């Protein structure tokens, strides 16, 4: 197996990688979904709360207790 070493400037590499990462963040994580208006992290939190039985008809529970 031979390795190919490319001589690239740090600015070019960081600019390219950051561009890809920022595009991913904007498209996959930062924009709400059209179906329900929630971001993925908000959807995961609501699902975890529902799975643990923390629903509107139960008594108040602090969020820290949901992580256990």
PDB file of N, CA and C in Angstrom:
ATOM      1  N   UNK A   1       0.846  -1.166   0.000  1.00  0.00           N
ATOM      2  CA  UNK A   1       0.000   0.000   0.000  1.00  0.00           C
ATOM      3  C   UNK A   1       0.898   1.238   0.000  1.00  0.00           C
ATOM      4  N   UNK A   2       0.678   2.107  -0.942  1.00  0.00           N
ATOM      5  CA  UNK A   2       1.477   3.331  -0.994  1.00  0.00           C
ATOM      6  C   UNK A   2       0.639   4.508  -0.512  1.00  0.00           C
ATOM      7  N   UNK A   3       1.298   5.408   0.155  1.00  0.00           N
ATOM      8  CA  UNK A   3       0.633   6.601   0.667  1.00  0.00           C
ATOM      9  C   UNK A   3       0.855   7.756  -0.290  1.00  0.00           C
ATOM     10  N   UNK A   4      -0.159   8.572  -0.433  1.00  0.00           N
ATOM     11  CA  UNK A   4      -0.039   9.773  -1.248  1.00  0.00           C
ATOM     12  C   UNK A   4      -0.041  10.965  -0.304  1.00  0.00           C
ATOM     13  N   UNK A   5       1.027  11.715  -0.316  1.00  0.00           N
ATOM     14  CA  UNK A   5       1.157  12.889   0.543  1.00  0.00           C
ATOM     15  C   UNK A   5       0.926  14.124  -0.313  1.00  0.00           C
ATOM     16  N   UNK A   6      -0.008  14.929   0.121  1.00  0.00           N
ATOM     17  CA  UNK A   6      -0.320  16.155  -0.602  1.00  0.00           C
ATOM     18  C   UNK A   6       0.255  17.338   0.151  1.00  0.00           C
ATOM     19  N   UNK A   7       0.825  18.262  -0.573  1.00  0.00           N
ATOM     20  CA  UNK A   7       1.376  19.475   0.024  1.00  0.00           C
ATOM     21  C   UNK A   7       0.327  20.583  -0.100  1.00  0.00           C
ATOM     22  N   UNK A   8      -0.454  20.774   0.978  1.00  0.00           N
ATOM     23  CA  UNK A   8      -1.532  21.762   0.982  1.00  0.00           C
ATOM     24  C   UNK A   8      -1.300  22.777   2.084  1.00  0.00           C
ATOM     25  N   UNK A   9      -1.776  23.981   1.858  1.00  0.00           N
ATOM     26  CA  UNK A   9      -1.635  25.003   2.902  1.00  0.00           C
ATOM     27  C   UNK A   9      -2.711  24.785   3.966  1.00  0.00           C
ATOM     28  N   UNK A  10      -2.400  25.175   5.172  1.00  0.00           N
ATOM     29  CA  UNK A  10      -3.324  25.017   6.287  1.00  0.00           C
ATOM     30  C   UNK A  10      -4.607  25.805   6.044  1.00  0.00           C
ATOM     31  N   UNK A  11      -4.490  26.988   5.478  1.00  0.00           N
ATOM     32  CA  UNK A  11      -5.665  27.820   5.214  1.00  0.00           C
ATOM     33  C   UNK A  11      -6.635  27.130   4.257  1.00  0.00           C
ATOM     34  N   UNK A  12      -6.088  26.496   3.213  1.00  0.00           N
ATOM     35  CA  UNK A  12      -6.947  25.811   2.247  1.00  0.00           C
ATOM     36  C   UNK A  12      -7.655  24.616   2.879  1.00  0.00           C
ATOM     37  N   UNK A  13      -6.928  23.849   3.656  1.00  0.00           N
ATOM     38  CA  UNK A  13      -7.509  22.662   4.283  1.00  0.00           C
ATOM     39  C   UNK A  13      -8.581  23.062   5.287  1.00  0.00           C
ATOM     40  N   UNK A  14      -8.264  24.018   6.159  1.00  0.00           N
ATOM     41  CA  UNK A  14      -9.240  24.438   7.162  1.00  0.00           C
ATOM     42  C   UNK A  14     -10.457  25.079   6.513  1.00  0.00           C
ATOM     43  N   UNK A  15     -10.237  25.888   5.493  1.00  0.00           N
ATOM     44  CA  UNK A  15     -11.360  26.517   4.805  1.00  0.00           C
ATOM     45  C   UNK A  15     -12.290  25.495   4.184  1.00  0.00           C
ATOM     46  N   UNK A  16     -11.722  24.489   3.553  1.00  0.00           N
ATOM     47  CA  UNK A  16     -12.529  23.443   2.930  1.00  0.00           C
ATOM     48  C   UNK A  16     -13.277  22.625   3.973  1.00  0.00           C
ATOM     49  N   UNK A  17     -12.574  22.193   5.020  1.00  0.00           N
ATOM     50  CA  UNK A  17     -13.207  21.357   6.055  1.00  0.00           C
ATOM     51  C   UNK A  17     -14.278  22.140   6.805  1.00  0.00           C
ATOM     52  N   UNK A  18     -14.001  23.401   7.119  1.00  0.00           N
ATOM     53  CA  UNK A  18     -14.995  24.196   7.835  1.00  0.00           C
ATOM     54  C   UNK A  18     -16.213  24.444   6.958  1.00  0.00           C
ATOM     55  N   UNK A  19     -15.997  24.641   5.683  1.00  0.00           N
ATOM     56  CA  UNK A  19     -17.121  24.827   4.769  1.00  0.00           C
ATOM     57  C   UNK A  19     -18.036  23.616   4.747  1.00  0.00           C
ATOM     58  N   UNK A  20     -17.449  22.437   4.682  1.00  0.00           N
ATOM     59  CA  UNK A  20     -18.246  21.201   4.694  1.00  0.00           C
ATOM     60  C   UNK A  20     -18.992  21.040   6.016  1.00  0.00           C
ATOM     61  N   UNK A  21     -18.278  21.288   7.118  1.00  0.00           N
ATOM     62  CA  UNK A  21     -18.887  21.134   8.438  1.00  0.00           C
ATOM     63  C   UNK A  21     -20.031  22.124   8.636  1.00  0.00           C
ATOM     64  N   UNK A  22     -19.821  23.376   8.259  1.00  0.00           N
ATOM     65  CA  UNK A  22     -20.872  24.374   8.456  1.00  0.00           C
ATOM     66  C   UNK A  22     -22.089  24.058   7.593  1.00  0.00           C
ATOM     67  N   UNK A  23     -21.880  23.547   6.401  1.00  0.00           N
ATOM     68  CA  UNK A  23     -23.002  23.152   5.548  1.00  0.00           C
ATOM     69  C   UNK A  23     -23.783  22.014   6.196  1.00  0.00           C
ATOM     70  N   UNK A  24     -23.064  21.051   6.775  1.00  0.00           N
ATOM     71  CA  UNK A  24     -23.725  19.943   7.469  1.00  0.00           C
ATOM     72  C   UNK A  24     -24.549  20.452   8.647  1.00  0.00           C
ATOM     73  N   UNK A  25     -23.955  21.337   9.446  1.00  0.00           N
ATOM     74  CA  UNK A  25     -24.646  21.870  10.623  1.00  0.00           C
ATOM     75  C   UNK A  25     -25.923  22.582  10.209  1.00  0.00           C
ATOM     76  N   UNK A  26     -25.822  23.414   9.200  1.00  0.00           N
ATOM     77  CA  UNK A  26     -26.989  24.180   8.769  1.00  0.00           C
ATOM     78  C   UNK A  26     -28.073  23.261   8.216  1.00  0.00           C
ATOM     79  N   UNK A  27     -27.701  22.303   7.410  1.00  0.00           N
ATOM     80  CA  UNK A  27     -28.697  21.445   6.772  1.00  0.00           C
ATOM     81  C   UNK A  27     -29.280  20.391   7.703  1.00  0.00           C
ATOM     82  N   UNK A  28     -28.460  19.803   8.555  1.00  0.00           N
ATOM     83  CA  UNK A  28     -28.915  18.650   9.330  1.00  0.00           C
ATOM     84  C   UNK A  28     -29.285  18.956  10.775  1.00  0.00           C
ATOM     85  N   UNK A  29     -28.715  20.002  11.360  1.00  0.00           N
ATOM     86  CA  UNK A  29     -28.925  20.202  12.789  1.00  0.00           C
ATOM     87  C   UNK A  29     -29.592  21.511  13.151  1.00  0.00           C
ATOM     88  N   UNK A  30     -29.333  22.578  12.417  1.00  0.00           N
ATOM     89  CA  UNK A  30     -29.783  23.893  12.848  1.00  0.00           C
ATOM     90  C   UNK A  30     -31.159  24.274  12.319  1.00  0.00           C
ATOM     91  N   UNK A  31     -31.580  23.679  11.218  1.00  0.00           N
ATOM     92  CA  UNK A  31     -32.864  24.052  10.634  1.00  0.00           C
ATOM     93  C   UNK A  31     -33.978  23.152  11.148  1.00  0.00           C
ATOM     94  N   UNK A  32     -35.091  23.739  11.543  1.00  0.00           N
ATOM     95  CA  UNK A  32     -36.230  22.920  11.966  1.00  0.00           C
ATOM     96  C   UNK A  32     -36.802  22.127  10.796  1.00  0.00           C
ATOM     97  N   UNK A  33     -37.357  20.983  11.102  1.00  0.00           N
ATOM     98  CA  UNK A  33     -37.981  20.132  10.093  1.00  0.00           C
ATOM     99  C   UNK A  33     -39.328  20.734   9.687  1.00  0.00           C
ATOM    100  N   UNK A  34     -39.671  20.629   8.431  1.00  0.00           N
ATOM    101  CA  UNK A  34     -40.925  21.188   7.924  1.00  0.00           C
ATOM    102  C   UNK A  34     -42.127  20.452   8.509  1.00  0.00           C
ATOM    103  N   UNK A  35     -41.981  19.151   8.785  1.00  0.00           N
ATOM    104  CA  UNK A  35     -43.117  18.351   9.248  1.00  0.00           C
ATOM    105  C   UNK A  35     -43.640  18.796  10.603  1.00  0.00           C
ATOM    106  N   UNK A  36     -42.736  19.064  11.560  1.00  0.00           N
ATOM    107  CA  UNK A  36     -43.197  19.382  12.910  1.00  0.00           C
ATOM    108  C   UNK A  36     -42.575  20.647  13.495  1.00  0.00           C
ATOM    109  N   UNK A  37     -41.648  21.264  12.803  1.00  0.00           N
ATOM    110  CA  UNK A  37     -41.040  22.502  13.293  1.00  0.00           C
ATOM    111  C   UNK A  37     -39.980  22.295  14.357  1.00  0.00           C
ATOM    112  N   UNK A  38     -39.566  21.045  14.582  1.00  0.00           N
ATOM    113  CA  UNK A  38     -38.576  20.752  15.620  1.00  0.00           C
ATOM    114  C   UNK A  38     -37.213  20.484  15.010  1.00  0.00           C
ATOM    115  N   UNK A  39     -36.180  20.853  15.765  1.00  0.00           N
ATOM    116  CA  UNK A  39     -34.819  20.480  15.403  1.00  0.00           C
ATOM    117  C   UNK A  39     -34.581  19.053  15.908  1.00  0.00           C
ATOM    118  N   UNK A  40     -33.603  18.342  15.344  1.00  0.00           N
ATOM    119  CA  UNK A  40     -33.372  16.957  15.780  1.00  0.00           C
ATOM    120  C   UNK A  40     -33.134  16.815  17.287  1.00  0.00           C
ATOM    121  N   UNK A  41     -32.400  17.727  17.884  1.00  0.00           N
ATOM    122  CA  UNK A  41     -32.128  17.613  19.324  1.00  0.00           C
ATOM    123  C   UNK A  41     -33.407  17.808  20.128  1.00  0.00           C
ATOM    124  N   UNK A  42     -34.283  18.695  19.686  1.00  0.00           N
ATOM    125  CA  UNK A  42     -35.548  18.890  20.390  1.00  0.00           C
ATOM    126  C   UNK A  42     -36.421  17.642  20.291  1.00  0.00           C
ATOM    127  N   UNK A  43     -36.414  17.009  19.125  1.00  0.00           N
ATOM    128  CA  UNK A  43     -37.187  15.785  18.931  1.00  0.00           C
ATOM    129  C   UNK A  43     -36.669  14.665  19.829  1.00  0.00           C
ATOM    130  N   UNK A  44     -35.343  14.550  19.969  1.00  0.00           N
ATOM    131  CA  UNK A  44     -34.765  13.514  20.846  1.00  0.00           C
ATOM    132  C   UNK A  44     -35.135  13.753  22.302  1.00  0.00           C
ATOM    133  N   UNK A  45     -35.142  15.012  22.733  1.00  0.00           N
ATOM    134  CA  UNK A  45     -35.499  15.333  24.120  1.00  0.00           C
ATOM    135  C   UNK A  45     -36.949  14.962  24.388  1.00  0.00           C
ATOM    136  N   UNK A  46     -37.843  15.346  23.492  1.00  0.00           N
ATOM    137  CA  UNK A  46     -39.255  15.014  23.675  1.00  0.00           C
ATOM    138  C   UNK A  46     -39.484  13.507  23.684  1.00  0.00           C
ATOM    139  N   UNK A  47     -38.783  12.784  22.817  1.00  0.00           N
ATOM    140  CA  UNK A  47     -38.923  11.325  22.784  1.00  0.00           C
ATOM    141  C   UNK A  47     -38.428  10.698  24.088  1.00  0.00           C
ATOM    142  N   UNK A  48     -37.302  11.175  24.598  1.00  0.00           N
ATOM    143  CA  UNK A  48     -36.766  10.642  25.856  1.00  0.00           C
ATOM    144  C   UNK A  48     -37.718  10.924  27.012  1.00  0.00           C
ATOM    145  N   UNK A  49     -38.302  12.107  27.020  1.00  0.00           N
ATOM    146  CA  UNK A  49     -39.259  12.436  28.078  1.00  0.00           C
ATOM    147  C   UNK A  49     -40.493  11.537  27.982  1.00  0.00           C
ATOM    148  N   UNK A  50     -40.990  11.325  26.782  1.00  0.00           N
ATOM    149  CA  UNK A  50     -42.160  10.467  26.592  1.00  0.00           C
ATOM    150  C   UNK A  50     -41.842   9.018  26.976  1.00  0.00           C
ATOM    151  N   UNK A  51     -40.666   8.540  26.583  1.00  0.00           N
ATOM    152  CA  UNK A  51     -40.266   7.165  26.897  1.00  0.00           C
ATOM    153  C   UNK A  51     -40.139   6.927  28.392  1.00  0.00           C
ATOM    154  N   UNK A  52     -39.729   7.956  29.130  1.00  0.00           N
ATOM    155  CA  UNK A  52     -39.573   7.805  30.576  1.00  0.00           C
ATOM    156  C   UNK A  52     -40.873   8.074  31.329  1.00  0.00           C
ATOM    157  N   UNK A  53     -41.948   8.332  30.596  1.00  0.00           N
ATOM    158  CA  UNK A  53     -43.241   8.527  31.240  1.00  0.00           C
ATOM    159  C   UNK A  53     -43.494   9.940  31.706  1.00  0.00           C
ATOM    160  N   UNK A  54     -42.715  10.874  31.264  1.00  0.00           N
ATOM    161  CA  UNK A  54     -42.890  12.273  31.657  1.00  0.00           C
ATOM    162  C   UNK A  54     -43.854  12.939  30.668  1.00  0.00           C
ATOM    163  N   UNK A  55     -45.149  12.789  30.926  1.00  0.00           N
ATOM    164  CA  UNK A  55     -46.172  13.327  30.037  1.00  0.00           C
ATOM    165  C   UNK A  55     -46.978  14.412  30.741  1.00  0.00           C
ATOM    166  N   UNK A  56     -47.870  15.049  29.993  1.00  0.00           N
ATOM    167  CA  UNK A  56     -48.616  16.188  30.515  1.00  0.00           C
ATOM    168  C   UNK A  56     -49.574  15.812  31.644  1.00  0.00           C
ATOM    169  N   UNK A  57     -49.991  14.583  31.728  1.00  0.00           N
ATOM    170  CA  UNK A  57     -50.955  14.179  32.749  1.00  0.00           C
ATOM    171  C   UNK A  57     -50.300  13.705  34.052  1.00  0.00           C
ATOM    172  N   UNK A  58     -48.971  13.742  34.119  1.00  0.00           N
ATOM    173  CA  UNK A  58     -48.238  13.336  35.329  1.00  0.00           C
ATOM    174  C   UNK A  58     -47.766  14.576  36.088  1.00  0.00           C
ATOM    175  N   UNK A  59     -47.320  14.362  37.320  1.00  0.00           N
ATOM    176  CA  UNK A  59     -46.784  15.456  38.128  1.00  0.00           C
ATOM    177  C   UNK A  59     -45.499  15.999  37.524  1.00  0.00           C
ATOM    178  N   UNK A  60     -45.151  17.216  37.924  1.00  0.00           N
ATOM    179  CA  UNK A  60     -43.939  17.885  37.460  1.00  0.00           C
ATOM    180  C   UNK A  60     -42.702  17.079  37.847  1.00  0.00           C
ATOM    181  N   UNK A  61     -41.751  16.980  36.931  1.00  0.00           N
ATOM    182  CA  UNK A  61     -40.456  16.340  37.184  1.00  0.00           C
ATOM    183  C   UNK A  61     -39.365  17.228  36.653  1.00  0.00           C
ATOM    184  N   UNK A  62     -38.303  17.381  37.413  1.00  0.00           N
ATOM    185  CA  UNK A  62     -37.180  18.195  36.944  1.00  0.00           C
ATOM    186  C   UNK A  62     -36.480  17.494  35.786  1.00  0.00           C
ATOM    187  N   UNK A  63     -35.920  18.278  34.892  1.00  0.00           N
ATOM    188  CA  UNK A  63     -35.261  17.721  33.708  1.00  0.00           C
ATOM    189  C   UNK A  63     -34.073  16.847  34.070  1.00  0.00           C
ATOM    190  N   UNK A  64     -33.360  17.174  35.125  1.00  0.00           N
ATOM    191  CA  UNK A  64     -32.183  16.400  35.518  1.00  0.00           C
ATOM    192  C   UNK A  64     -32.568  14.963  35.872  1.00  0.00           C
ATOM    193  N   UNK A  65     -33.773  14.755  36.344  1.00  0.00           N
ATOM    194  CA  UNK A  65     -34.203  13.401  36.680  1.00  0.00           C
ATOM    195  C   UNK A  65     -34.478  12.578  35.434  1.00  0.00           C
ATOM    196  N   UNK A  66     -34.683  13.229  34.303  1.00  0.00           N
ATOM    197  CA  UNK A  66     -34.931  12.503  33.057  1.00  0.00           C
ATOM    198  C   UNK A  66     -33.677  11.842  32.526  1.00  0.00           C
ATOM    199  N   UNK A  67     -32.517  12.316  32.915  1.00  0.00           N
ATOM    200  CA  UNK A  67     -31.271  11.781  32.363  1.00  0.00           C
ATOM    201  C   UNK A  67     -30.840  10.493  33.046  1.00  0.00           C
ATOM    202  N   UNK A  68     -31.498  10.106  34.085  1.00  0.00           N
ATOM    203  CA  UNK A  68     -31.121   8.878  34.790  1.00  0.00           C
ATOM    204  C   UNK A  68     -31.716   7.670  34.161  1.00  0.00           C
TER     205      UNK A  68
END
